[in-house]
PDB file of N, CA and C in Angstrom:
ATOM      1  N   MET A   1      10.245   7.186   2.631  1.00  0.00           N
ATOM      2  CA  MET A   1      11.224   5.981   2.052  1.00  0.00           C
ATOM      3  C   MET A   1      12.046   5.327   3.143  1.00  0.00           C
ATOM      4  N   LEU A   2      11.645   4.107   3.369  1.00  0.00           N
ATOM      5  CA  LEU A   2      12.307   3.425   4.740  1.00  0.00           C
ATOM      6  C   LEU A   2      13.420   2.471   3.726  1.00  0.00           C
ATOM      7  N   SER A   3      13.598   1.540   4.549  1.00  0.00           N
ATOM      8  CA  SER A   3      14.868   0.854   3.770  1.00  0.00           C
ATOM      9  C   SER A   3      14.950  -0.640   4.490  1.00  0.00           C
ATOM     10  N   LEU A   4      15.409  -1.660   3.827  1.00  0.00           N
ATOM     11  CA  LEU A   4      15.856  -2.743   4.493  1.00  0.00           C
ATOM     12  C   LEU A   4      16.477  -2.345   5.721  1.00  0.00           C
ATOM     13  N   ALA A   5      17.292  -1.548   5.827  1.00  0.00           N
ATOM     14  CA  ALA A   5      18.329  -1.262   6.998  1.00  0.00           C
ATOM     15  C   ALA A   5      17.318  -0.572   7.880  1.00  0.00           C
ATOM     16  N   SER A   6      15.956  -0.453   8.179  1.00  0.00           N
ATOM     17  CA  SER A   6      15.123  -0.367   9.015  1.00  0.00           C
ATOM     18  C   SER A   6      15.330  -1.469   9.908  1.00  0.00           C
ATOM     19  N   TRP A   7      15.618  -2.807   9.349  1.00  0.00           N
ATOM     20  CA  TRP A   7      15.466  -4.002  10.208  1.00  0.00           C
ATOM     21  C   TRP A   7      16.880  -4.628  10.291  1.00  0.00           C
ATOM     22  N   VAL A   8      17.934  -4.468   9.315  1.00  0.00           N
ATOM     23  CA  VAL A   8      18.843  -5.286   9.226  1.00  0.00           C
ATOM     24  C   VAL A   8      20.160  -4.296   8.978  1.00  0.00           C
ATOM     25  N   GLY A   9      21.277  -3.898   9.652  1.00  0.00           N
ATOM     26  CA  GLY A   9      22.265  -3.136   9.701  1.00  0.00           C
ATOM     27  C   GLY A   9      23.333  -3.934   8.915  1.00  0.00           C
ATOM     28  N   ARG A  10      24.404  -3.184   8.334  1.00  0.00           N
ATOM     29  CA  ARG A  10      25.310  -3.459   7.840  1.00  0.00           C
ATOM     30  C   ARG A  10      26.641  -2.847   8.594  1.00  0.00           C
ATOM     31  N   PRO A  11      27.601  -3.886   8.835  1.00  0.00           N
ATOM     32  CA  PRO A  11      28.519  -3.398   9.559  1.00  0.00           C
ATOM     33  C   PRO A  11      29.247  -1.867   9.367  1.00  0.00           C
ATOM     34  N   GLY A  12      29.307  -1.755   7.603  1.00  0.00           N
ATOM     35  CA  GLY A  12      29.979  -0.233   7.257  1.00  0.00           C
ATOM     36  C   GLY A  12      29.079   0.491   7.493  1.00  0.00           C
ATOM     37  N   PHE A  13      27.675   0.334   7.811  1.00  0.00           N
ATOM     38  CA  PHE A  13      26.551   1.626   7.506  1.00  0.00           C
ATOM     39  C   PHE A  13      25.746   1.608   8.973  1.00  0.00           C
ATOM     40  N   PRO A  14      26.467   1.576  10.034  1.00  0.00           N
ATOM     41  CA  PRO A  14      25.645   1.556  11.372  1.00  0.00           C
ATOM     42  C   PRO A  14      24.747   2.887  11.443  1.00  0.00           C
ATOM     43  N   GLY A  15      25.170   3.905  11.263  1.00  0.00           N
ATOM     44  CA  GLY A  15      24.618   5.280  11.308  1.00  0.00           C
ATOM     45  C   GLY A  15      23.270   5.292  10.226  1.00  0.00           C
ATOM     46  N   TYR A  16      23.734   4.714   8.959  1.00  0.00           N
ATOM     47  CA  TYR A  16      22.682   4.705   8.027  1.00  0.00           C
ATOM     48  C   TYR A  16      21.487   3.879   8.668  1.00  0.00           C
ATOM     49  N   ALA A  17      21.700   2.682   9.263  1.00  0.00           N
ATOM     50  CA  ALA A  17      20.598   1.545   9.645  1.00  0.00           C
ATOM     51  C   ALA A  17      20.025   2.152  10.897  1.00  0.00           C
ATOM     52  N   ALA A  18      20.488   3.142  11.641  1.00  0.00           N
ATOM     53  CA  ALA A  18      19.925   3.596  12.889  1.00  0.00           C
ATOM     54  C   ALA A  18      19.038   4.746  12.412  1.00  0.00           C
ATOM     55  N   SER A  19      19.517   5.538  11.386  1.00  0.00           N
ATOM     56  CA  SER A  19      18.454   6.449  11.002  1.00  0.00           C
ATOM     57  C   SER A  19      17.298   5.979  10.556  1.00  0.00           C
ATOM     58  N   LYS A  20      17.495   4.889   9.474  1.00  0.00           N
ATOM     59  CA  LYS A  20      16.546   4.230   9.115  1.00  0.00           C
ATOM     60  C   LYS A  20      15.555   3.658  10.003  1.00  0.00           C
ATOM     61  N   ALA A  21      15.956   2.904  10.874  1.00  0.00           N
ATOM     62  CA  ALA A  21      15.221   2.250  12.070  1.00  0.00           C
ATOM     63  C   ALA A  21      14.372   3.462  12.760  1.00  0.00           C
ATOM     64  N   ALA A  22      15.162   4.085  12.928  1.00  0.00           N
ATOM     65  CA  ALA A  22      14.081   5.700  13.725  1.00  0.00           C
ATOM     66  C   ALA A  22      13.176   6.156  13.013  1.00  0.00           C
ATOM     67  N   GLN A  23      13.052   6.069  11.570  1.00  0.00           N
ATOM     68  CA  GLN A  23      12.017   6.714  10.631  1.00  0.00           C
ATOM     69  C   GLN A  23      10.873   5.855  10.990  1.00  0.00           C
ATOM     70  N   TRP A  24      10.905   4.505  11.504  1.00  0.00           N
ATOM     71  CA  TRP A  24       9.583   3.771  11.503  1.00  0.00           C
ATOM     72  C   TRP A  24       8.631   4.135  12.426  1.00  0.00           C
ATOM     73  N   PRO A  25       9.041   4.653  13.706  1.00  0.00           N
ATOM     74  CA  PRO A  25       8.073   4.842  14.556  1.00  0.00           C
ATOM     75  C   PRO A  25       7.179   6.001  14.265  1.00  0.00           C
ATOM     76  N   PRO A  26       7.984   7.017  13.631  1.00  0.00           N
ATOM     77  CA  PRO A  26       7.380   8.184  13.283  1.00  0.00           C
ATOM     78  C   PRO A  26       6.221   7.824  12.406  1.00  0.00           C
ATOM     79  N   THR A  27       6.754   7.207  11.104  1.00  0.00           N
ATOM     80  CA  THR A  27       5.832   6.796  10.255  1.00  0.00           C
ATOM     81  C   THR A  27       4.593   6.163  10.565  1.00  0.00           C
ATOM     82  N   ASP A  28       4.776   5.203  11.449  1.00  0.00           N
ATOM     83  CA  ASP A  28       3.446   4.725  12.072  1.00  0.00           C
ATOM     84  C   ASP A  28       2.599   5.530  12.911  1.00  0.00           C
ATOM     85  N   ALA A  29       3.374   6.338  13.647  1.00  0.00           N
ATOM     86  CA  ALA A  29       2.556   7.587  14.431  1.00  0.00           C
ATOM     87  C   ALA A  29       1.811   8.317  13.547  1.00  0.00           C
ATOM     88  N   LEU A  30       2.329   8.921  12.455  1.00  0.00           N
ATOM     89  CA  LEU A  30       1.709   9.796  11.177  1.00  0.00           C
ATOM     90  C   LEU A  30       0.609   8.865  10.870  1.00  0.00           C
ATOM     91  N   ARG A  31       0.759   7.639  10.477  1.00  0.00           N
ATOM     92  CA  ARG A  31      -0.169   6.908   9.958  1.00  0.00           C
ATOM     93  C   ARG A  31      -1.504   7.052  10.547  1.00  0.00           C
ATOM     94  N   ARG A  32      -1.267   6.837  11.911  1.00  0.00           N
ATOM     95  CA  ARG A  32      -2.315   6.490  12.873  1.00  0.00           C
ATOM     96  C   ARG A  32      -2.945   7.862  13.169  1.00  0.00           C
ATOM     97  N   ALA A  33      -2.284   9.057  13.222  1.00  0.00           N
ATOM     98  CA  ALA A  33      -2.710  10.444  13.522  1.00  0.00           C
ATOM     99  C   ALA A  33      -3.538  10.914  12.317  1.00  0.00           C
ATOM    100  N   LEU A  34      -3.131  10.412  11.080  1.00  0.00           N
ATOM    101  CA  LEU A  34      -3.672  11.066  10.084  1.00  0.00           C
ATOM    102  C   LEU A  34      -4.728  10.274   9.208  1.00  0.00           C
ATOM    103  N   ARG A  35      -4.972   9.123   9.791  1.00  0.00           N
ATOM    104  CA  ARG A  35      -5.977   7.970   9.307  1.00  0.00           C
ATOM    105  C   ARG A  35      -7.539   8.840   9.485  1.00  0.00           C
ATOM    106  N   GLU A  36      -7.690   9.269  10.593  1.00  0.00           N
ATOM    107  CA  GLU A  36      -9.200  10.233  10.690  1.00  0.00           C
ATOM    108  C   GLU A  36      -9.270  10.979   9.411  1.00  0.00           C
ATOM    109  N   GLN A  37      -8.562  11.715   8.998  1.00  0.00           N
ATOM    110  CA  GLN A  37      -8.878  12.543   8.119  1.00  0.00           C
ATOM    111  C   GLN A  37      -8.555  12.098   6.482  1.00  0.00           C
ATOM    112  N   ARG A  38      -8.265  10.639   6.671  1.00  0.00           N
ATOM    113  CA  ARG A  38      -8.427   9.902   5.438  1.00  0.00           C
ATOM    114  C   ARG A  38      -6.830  10.194   4.712  1.00  0.00           C
ATOM    115  N   THR A  39      -5.890  10.539   5.310  1.00  0.00           N
ATOM    116  CA  THR A  39      -4.447  10.557   4.349  1.00  0.00           C
ATOM    117  C   THR A  39      -3.572   9.297   4.784  1.00  0.00           C
ATOM    118  N   LEU A  40      -3.460   8.766   3.892  1.00  0.00           N
ATOM    119  CA  LEU A  40      -2.604   7.296   3.775  1.00  0.00           C
ATOM    120  C   LEU A  40      -1.105   7.711   3.902  1.00  0.00           C
ATOM    121  N   VAL A  41      -0.486   7.252   4.809  1.00  0.00           N
ATOM    122  CA  VAL A  41       0.896   7.250   5.125  1.00  0.00           C
ATOM    123  C   VAL A  41       1.473   5.675   4.816  1.00  0.00           C
ATOM    124  N   ILE A  42       2.321   5.630   3.824  1.00  0.00           N
ATOM    125  CA  ILE A  42       2.971   4.262   3.511  1.00  0.00           C
ATOM    126  C   ILE A  42       4.297   4.230   3.785  1.00  0.00           C
ATOM    127  N   GLY A  43       4.865   3.163   4.585  1.00  0.00           N
ATOM    128  CA  GLY A  43       6.223   2.965   4.604  1.00  0.00           C
ATOM    129  C   GLY A  43       6.599   2.310   3.526  1.00  0.00           C
ATOM    130  N   VAL A  44       7.561   2.519   2.770  1.00  0.00           N
ATOM    131  CA  VAL A  44       8.150   1.939   1.693  1.00  0.00           C
ATOM    132  C   VAL A  44       9.527   1.389   1.967  1.00  0.00           C
ATOM    133  N   HIS A  45       9.863   0.115   2.032  1.00  0.00           N
ATOM    134  CA  HIS A  45      11.081  -0.468   2.281  1.00  0.00           C
ATOM    135  C   HIS A  45      11.665  -1.171   1.354  1.00  0.00           C
ATOM    136  N   ALA A  46      12.798  -0.811   1.042  1.00  0.00           N
ATOM    137  CA  ALA A  46      13.681  -1.526  -0.079  1.00  0.00           C
ATOM    138  C   ALA A  46      15.195  -1.666   0.361  1.00  0.00           C
ATOM    139  N   GLY A  47      15.861  -2.500  -0.557  1.00  0.00           N
ATOM    140  CA  GLY A  47      17.436  -2.616  -0.221  1.00  0.00           C
ATOM    141  C   GLY A  47      18.051  -1.549  -0.908  1.00  0.00           C
ATOM    142  N   PHE A  48      18.811  -1.824  -1.620  1.00  0.00           N
ATOM    143  CA  PHE A  48      19.783  -0.791  -2.596  1.00  0.00           C
ATOM    144  C   PHE A  48      19.197  -0.741  -3.493  1.00  0.00           C
ATOM    145  N   VAL A  49      18.858   0.556  -4.132  1.00  0.00           N
ATOM    146  CA  VAL A  49      18.157   1.109  -5.123  1.00  0.00           C
ATOM    147  C   VAL A  49      19.063   1.468  -6.198  1.00  0.00           C
ATOM    148  N   ALA A  50      19.174   1.420  -7.498  1.00  0.00           N
ATOM    149  CA  ALA A  50      20.160   1.861  -8.231  1.00  0.00           C
ATOM    150  C   ALA A  50      19.982   3.412  -8.781  1.00  0.00           C
ATOM    151  N   THR A  51      20.668   3.861  -7.952  1.00  0.00           N
ATOM    152  CA  THR A  51      20.411   5.598  -8.026  1.00  0.00           C
ATOM    153  C   THR A  51      21.856   6.109  -8.012  1.00  0.00           C
ATOM    154  N   ASP A  52      22.188   7.411  -8.116  1.00  0.00           N
ATOM    155  CA  ASP A  52      23.413   8.049  -8.204  1.00  0.00           C
ATOM    156  C   ASP A  52      23.909   7.941  -6.703  1.00  0.00           C
ATOM    157  N   LEU A  53      23.023   7.887  -5.725  1.00  0.00           N
ATOM    158  CA  LEU A  53      23.446   7.769  -4.250  1.00  0.00           C
ATOM    159  C   LEU A  53      24.104   6.587  -3.936  1.00  0.00           C
ATOM    160  N   SER A  54      23.597   5.530  -4.476  1.00  0.00           N
ATOM    161  CA  SER A  54      24.256   4.148  -4.455  1.00  0.00           C
ATOM    162  C   SER A  54      25.144   3.527  -5.239  1.00  0.00           C
ATOM    163  N   ALA A  55      25.660   4.528  -6.393  1.00  0.00           N
ATOM    164  CA  ALA A  55      26.459   3.954  -7.388  1.00  0.00           C
ATOM    165  C   ALA A  55      27.767   3.420  -6.660  1.00  0.00           C
ATOM    166  N   TRP A  56      28.100   3.883  -5.777  1.00  0.00           N
ATOM    167  CA  TRP A  56      29.508   3.359  -5.225  1.00  0.00           C
ATOM    168  C   TRP A  56      29.404   2.118  -4.407  1.00  0.00           C
ATOM    169  N   VAL A  57      28.232   1.611  -3.993  1.00  0.00           N
ATOM    170  CA  VAL A  57      28.051   0.470  -3.292  1.00  0.00           C
ATOM    171  C   VAL A  57      27.950  -0.709  -4.007  1.00  0.00           C
ATOM    172  N   ASP A  58      28.933  -1.809  -3.752  1.00  0.00           N
ATOM    173  CA  ASP A  58      28.940  -2.950  -4.551  1.00  0.00           C
ATOM    174  C   ASP A  58      28.021  -4.032  -3.934  1.00  0.00           C
ATOM    175  N   ALA A  59      26.847  -3.986  -4.333  1.00  0.00           N
ATOM    176  CA  ALA A  59      26.042  -4.814  -3.839  1.00  0.00           C
ATOM    177  C   ALA A  59      24.744  -5.020  -4.992  1.00  0.00           C
ATOM    178  N   PRO A  60      23.964  -5.971  -4.901  1.00  0.00           N
ATOM    179  CA  PRO A  60      22.753  -5.894  -5.899  1.00  0.00           C
ATOM    180  C   PRO A  60      21.810  -5.209  -5.713  1.00  0.00           C
ATOM    181  N   LYS A  61      21.280  -4.348  -6.678  1.00  0.00           N
ATOM    182  CA  LYS A  61      20.386  -3.321  -6.504  1.00  0.00           C
ATOM    183  C   LYS A  61      19.090  -3.536  -7.414  1.00  0.00           C
ATOM    184  N   ILE A  62      18.049  -2.999  -6.747  1.00  0.00           N
ATOM    185  CA  ILE A  62      16.686  -2.996  -7.687  1.00  0.00           C
ATOM    186  C   ILE A  62      16.626  -1.587  -8.439  1.00  0.00           C
ATOM    187  N   SER A  63      15.901  -1.451  -9.482  1.00  0.00           N
ATOM    188  CA  SER A  63      15.782  -0.360 -10.271  1.00  0.00           C
ATOM    189  C   SER A  63      14.696   0.396  -9.396  1.00  0.00           C
ATOM    190  N   ALA A  64      14.540   1.851  -9.660  1.00  0.00           N
ATOM    191  CA  ALA A  64      13.824   2.656  -9.080  1.00  0.00           C
ATOM    192  C   ALA A  64      12.147   2.419  -9.448  1.00  0.00           C
ATOM    193  N   VAL A  65      12.157   1.877 -10.842  1.00  0.00           N
ATOM    194  CA  VAL A  65      10.964   1.296 -11.248  1.00  0.00           C
ATOM    195  C   VAL A  65      10.236   0.083 -10.327  1.00  0.00           C
ATOM    196  N   ASP A  66      11.079  -0.669  -9.862  1.00  0.00           N
ATOM    197  CA  ASP A  66      10.819  -1.725  -8.875  1.00  0.00           C
ATOM    198  C   ASP A  66      10.166  -1.315  -7.597  1.00  0.00           C
ATOM    199  N   VAL A  67      10.523  -0.068  -7.319  1.00  0.00           N
ATOM    200  CA  VAL A  67      10.265   0.570  -6.019  1.00  0.00           C
ATOM    201  C   VAL A  67       8.837   1.438  -6.291  1.00  0.00           C
ATOM    202  N   ALA A  68       8.874   2.177  -7.534  1.00  0.00           N
ATOM    203  CA  ALA A  68       7.626   2.984  -7.620  1.00  0.00           C
ATOM    204  C   ALA A  68       6.485   2.104  -8.219  1.00  0.00           C
ATOM    205  N   GLU A  69       6.604   1.101  -8.843  1.00  0.00           N
ATOM    206  CA  GLU A  69       5.444   0.517  -9.216  1.00  0.00           C
ATOM    207  C   GLU A  69       4.605  -0.292  -8.182  1.00  0.00           C
ATOM    208  N   PRO A  70       5.240  -0.930  -6.994  1.00  0.00           N
ATOM    209  CA  PRO A  70       4.419  -1.265  -5.975  1.00  0.00           C
ATOM    210  C   PRO A  70       3.789  -0.420  -5.039  1.00  0.00           C
ATOM    211  N   THR A  71       4.735   1.017  -5.004  1.00  0.00           N
ATOM    212  CA  THR A  71       4.253   1.958  -4.205  1.00  0.00           C
ATOM    213  C   THR A  71       2.950   2.683  -4.954  1.00  0.00           C
ATOM    214  N   MET A  72       2.887   2.583  -6.272  1.00  0.00           N
ATOM    215  CA  MET A  72       1.751   3.195  -6.758  1.00  0.00           C
ATOM    216  C   MET A  72       0.596   2.191  -6.316  1.00  0.00           C
ATOM    217  N   GLU A  73       0.714   0.815  -6.616  1.00  0.00           N
ATOM    218  CA  GLU A  73      -0.238  -0.091  -6.364  1.00  0.00           C
ATOM    219  C   GLU A  73      -0.762   0.019  -4.696  1.00  0.00           C
ATOM    220  N   ALA A  74       0.310   0.290  -3.933  1.00  0.00           N
ATOM    221  CA  ALA A  74      -0.232   0.493  -2.419  1.00  0.00           C
ATOM    222  C   ALA A  74      -1.005   1.838  -2.083  1.00  0.00           C
ATOM    223  N   LEU A  75      -0.624   2.789  -3.347  1.00  0.00           N
ATOM    224  CA  LEU A  75      -1.416   4.015  -2.942  1.00  0.00           C
ATOM    225  C   LEU A  75      -2.875   3.745  -3.709  1.00  0.00           C
ATOM    226  N   ALA A  76      -3.071   3.044  -4.606  1.00  0.00           N
ATOM    227  CA  ALA A  76      -4.211   2.701  -5.366  1.00  0.00           C
ATOM    228  C   ALA A  76      -5.167   1.739  -4.272  1.00  0.00           C
ATOM    229  N   ASN A  77      -4.576   1.315  -3.404  1.00  0.00           N
ATOM    230  CA  ASN A  77      -5.001  -0.172  -2.742  1.00  0.00           C
ATOM    231  C   ASN A  77      -5.226   0.015  -1.371  1.00  0.00           C
ATOM    232  N   ASP A  78      -4.901   1.288  -0.879  1.00  0.00           N
ATOM    233  CA  ASP A  78      -4.866   1.710   0.516  1.00  0.00           C
ATOM    234  C   ASP A  78      -4.146   0.749   1.355  1.00  0.00           C
ATOM    235  N   TRP A  79      -2.906   0.194   0.805  1.00  0.00           N
ATOM    236  CA  TRP A  79      -1.847  -0.561   1.599  1.00  0.00           C
ATOM    237  C   TRP A  79      -1.025   0.132   2.367  1.00  0.00           C
ATOM    238  N   LEU A  80      -0.536  -0.273   3.557  1.00  0.00           N
ATOM    239  CA  LEU A  80       0.092   0.587   4.676  1.00  0.00           C
ATOM    240  C   LEU A  80       1.606   0.611   4.556  1.00  0.00           C
ATOM    241  N   GLU A  81       2.163  -0.400   3.684  1.00  0.00           N
ATOM    242  CA  GLU A  81       3.529  -0.837   3.608  1.00  0.00           C
ATOM    243  C   GLU A  81       3.933  -1.377   2.259  1.00  0.00           C
ATOM    244  N   VAL A  82       5.068  -1.319   1.873  1.00  0.00           N
ATOM    245  CA  VAL A  82       5.638  -1.895   0.506  1.00  0.00           C
ATOM    246  C   VAL A  82       6.847  -2.451   1.025  1.00  0.00           C
ATOM    247  N   LEU A  83       6.968  -3.634   0.642  1.00  0.00           N
ATOM    248  CA  LEU A  83       8.430  -4.401   0.806  1.00  0.00           C
ATOM    249  C   LEU A  83       8.671  -4.443  -0.897  1.00  0.00           C
ATOM    250  N   ALA A  84       9.592  -3.989  -1.326  1.00  0.00           N
ATOM    251  CA  ALA A  84       9.838  -3.725  -2.781  1.00  0.00           C
ATOM    252  C   ALA A  84      10.654  -4.668  -3.421  1.00  0.00           C
ATOM    253  N   ASP A  85      11.468  -5.657  -2.685  1.00  0.00           N
ATOM    254  CA  ASP A  85      12.347  -6.653  -3.109  1.00  0.00           C
ATOM    255  C   ASP A  85      12.305  -7.927  -2.072  1.00  0.00           C
ATOM    256  N   GLU A  86      12.752  -8.867  -2.656  1.00  0.00           N
ATOM    257  CA  GLU A  86      12.667 -10.184  -1.868  1.00  0.00           C
ATOM    258  C   GLU A  86      13.688 -10.131  -0.848  1.00  0.00           C
ATOM    259  N   GLU A  87      14.741  -9.529  -0.710  1.00  0.00           N
ATOM    260  CA  GLU A  87      15.657  -9.442   0.478  1.00  0.00           C
ATOM    261  C   GLU A  87      15.052  -8.797   1.559  1.00  0.00           C
ATOM    262  N   THR A  88      14.220  -7.565   1.161  1.00  0.00           N
ATOM    263  CA  THR A  88      13.266  -6.872   2.204  1.00  0.00           C
ATOM    264  C   THR A  88      12.311  -7.899   2.823  1.00  0.00           C
ATOM    265  N   ARG A  89      11.591  -8.721   1.991  1.00  0.00           N
ATOM    266  CA  ARG A  89      10.418  -9.429   2.259  1.00  0.00           C
ATOM    267  C   ARG A  89      10.981 -10.282   3.297  1.00  0.00           C
ATOM    268  N   GLN A  90      12.374 -10.940   3.084  1.00  0.00           N
ATOM    269  CA  GLN A  90      12.730 -12.231   3.890  1.00  0.00           C
ATOM    270  C   GLN A  90      13.369 -11.561   5.095  1.00  0.00           C
ATOM    271  N   ALA A  91      13.569 -10.190   5.159  1.00  0.00           N
ATOM    272  CA  ALA A  91      14.151  -9.513   6.369  1.00  0.00           C
ATOM    273  C   ALA A  91      13.203  -9.391   7.489  1.00  0.00           C
ATOM    274  N   LYS A  92      11.837  -8.867   6.719  1.00  0.00           N
ATOM    275  CA  LYS A  92      10.658  -8.452   7.334  1.00  0.00           C
ATOM    276  C   LYS A  92      10.211  -9.854   8.244  1.00  0.00           C
ATOM    277  N   ALA A  93      10.073 -11.111   7.510  1.00  0.00           N
ATOM    278  CA  ALA A  93       9.600 -12.086   7.691  1.00  0.00           C
ATOM    279  C   ALA A  93      10.416 -12.440   8.874  1.00  0.00           C
ATOM    280  N   ALA A  94      11.857 -12.462   9.105  1.00  0.00           N
ATOM    281  CA  ALA A  94      12.865 -13.115   9.899  1.00  0.00           C
ATOM    282  C   ALA A  94      12.459 -12.286  11.078  1.00  0.00           C
ATOM    283  N   LEU A  95      11.974 -11.054  11.368  1.00  0.00           N
ATOM    284  CA  LEU A  95      11.882 -10.370  12.316  1.00  0.00           C
ATOM    285  C   LEU A  95      11.525 -11.165  13.734  1.00  0.00           C
ATOM    286  N   SER A  96      10.501 -11.900  13.601  1.00  0.00           N
ATOM    287  CA  SER A  96       9.897 -12.565  14.753  1.00  0.00           C
ATOM    288  C   SER A  96      10.951 -13.878  15.300  1.00  0.00           C
ATOM    289  N   HIS A  97      11.847 -14.200  14.328  1.00  0.00           N
ATOM    290  CA  HIS A  97      12.942 -15.390  14.641  1.00  0.00           C
ATOM    291  C   HIS A  97      13.928 -15.012  15.840  1.00  0.00           C
ATOM    292  N   PRO A  98      14.277 -15.739  16.536  1.00  0.00           N
ATOM    293  CA  PRO A  98      15.278 -15.662  17.429  1.00  0.00           C
ATOM    294  C   PRO A  98      16.592 -14.837  16.916  1.00  0.00           C
ATOM    295  N   LEU A  99      17.199 -14.124  17.304  1.00  0.00           N
ATOM    296  CA  LEU A  99      18.585 -13.385  16.976  1.00  0.00           C
ATOM    297  C   LEU A  99      19.771 -14.512  16.916  1.00  0.00           C
ATOM    298  N   HIS A 100      20.485 -14.687  16.073  1.00  0.00           N
ATOM    299  CA  HIS A 100      21.729 -15.459  16.093  1.00  0.00           C
ATOM    300  C   HIS A 100      23.107 -14.598  15.898  1.00  0.00           C
ATOM    301  N   ALA A 101      23.773 -14.987  16.613  1.00  0.00           N
ATOM    302  CA  ALA A 101      25.188 -14.183  16.580  1.00  0.00           C
ATOM    303  C   ALA A 101      25.913 -14.539  15.299  1.00  0.00           C
ATOM    304  N   GLU A 102      26.364 -13.527  14.767  1.00  0.00           N
ATOM    305  CA  GLU A 102      27.072 -13.784  13.346  1.00  0.00           C
ATOM    306  C   GLU A 102      28.644 -13.907  13.855  1.00  0.00           C
ATOM    307  N   PRO A 103      29.432 -14.907  13.178  1.00  0.00           N
ATOM    308  CA  PRO A 103      30.695 -15.053  13.445  1.00  0.00           C
ATOM    309  C   PRO A 103      31.344 -13.619  13.157  1.00  0.00           C
ATOM    310  N   GLY A 104      32.337 -13.448  14.168  1.00  0.00           N
ATOM    311  CA  GLY A 104      33.191 -12.208  14.190  1.00  0.00           C
ATOM    312  C   GLY A 104      34.243 -12.314  14.931  1.00  0.00           C
ATOM    313  N   PRO A 105      35.019 -11.043  15.494  1.00  0.00           N
ATOM    314  CA  PRO A 105      36.327 -11.361  16.066  1.00  0.00           C
ATOM    315  C   PRO A 105      35.924 -12.095  17.536  1.00  0.00           C
ATOM    316  N   GLU A 106      37.029 -12.516  17.803  1.00  0.00           N
ATOM    317  CA  GLU A 106      36.770 -13.045  19.202  1.00  0.00           C
ATOM    318  C   GLU A 106      36.948 -11.990  20.193  1.00  0.00           C
ATOM    319  N   MET A 107      36.111 -11.963  21.214  1.00  0.00           N
ATOM    320  CA  MET A 107      36.233 -11.228  22.529  1.00  0.00           C
ATOM    321  C   MET A 107      36.564 -11.461  23.597  1.00  0.00           C
TER     322      MET A 107
END
C-alpha cells in the first residue's frame, strides 16, 4: 500500500512522505524480480482513506471500498498499479511537469 504521499508531501508529514516515496523502488524491484514466477506485485496509491489511523486528519478521505474495488480489479486484470482517487491520478500525471515553488516564508 503506497500513497499519494509517494509523490506529493505535506509540510506536516515529511517523514510519512519520505517513507512512502521510499517504498516505490522496492515495489518496482519486487515486481520485476517476481515476474518470471508469475507473481503479480501491484502498487496501490491513494490519498487519505477513512480509517482509524486517519481519523484525526482534517482532509477529504475516500472509503476503504474505494481502494479495495480497483485493487481487486487490478488483480483480476494483471494491472501493475492502482490510482484509487482523483487527487492521486492528478498527482501522478503532474510528475512530468516542471516543479513550481510554492509560496512560503521569505528566505
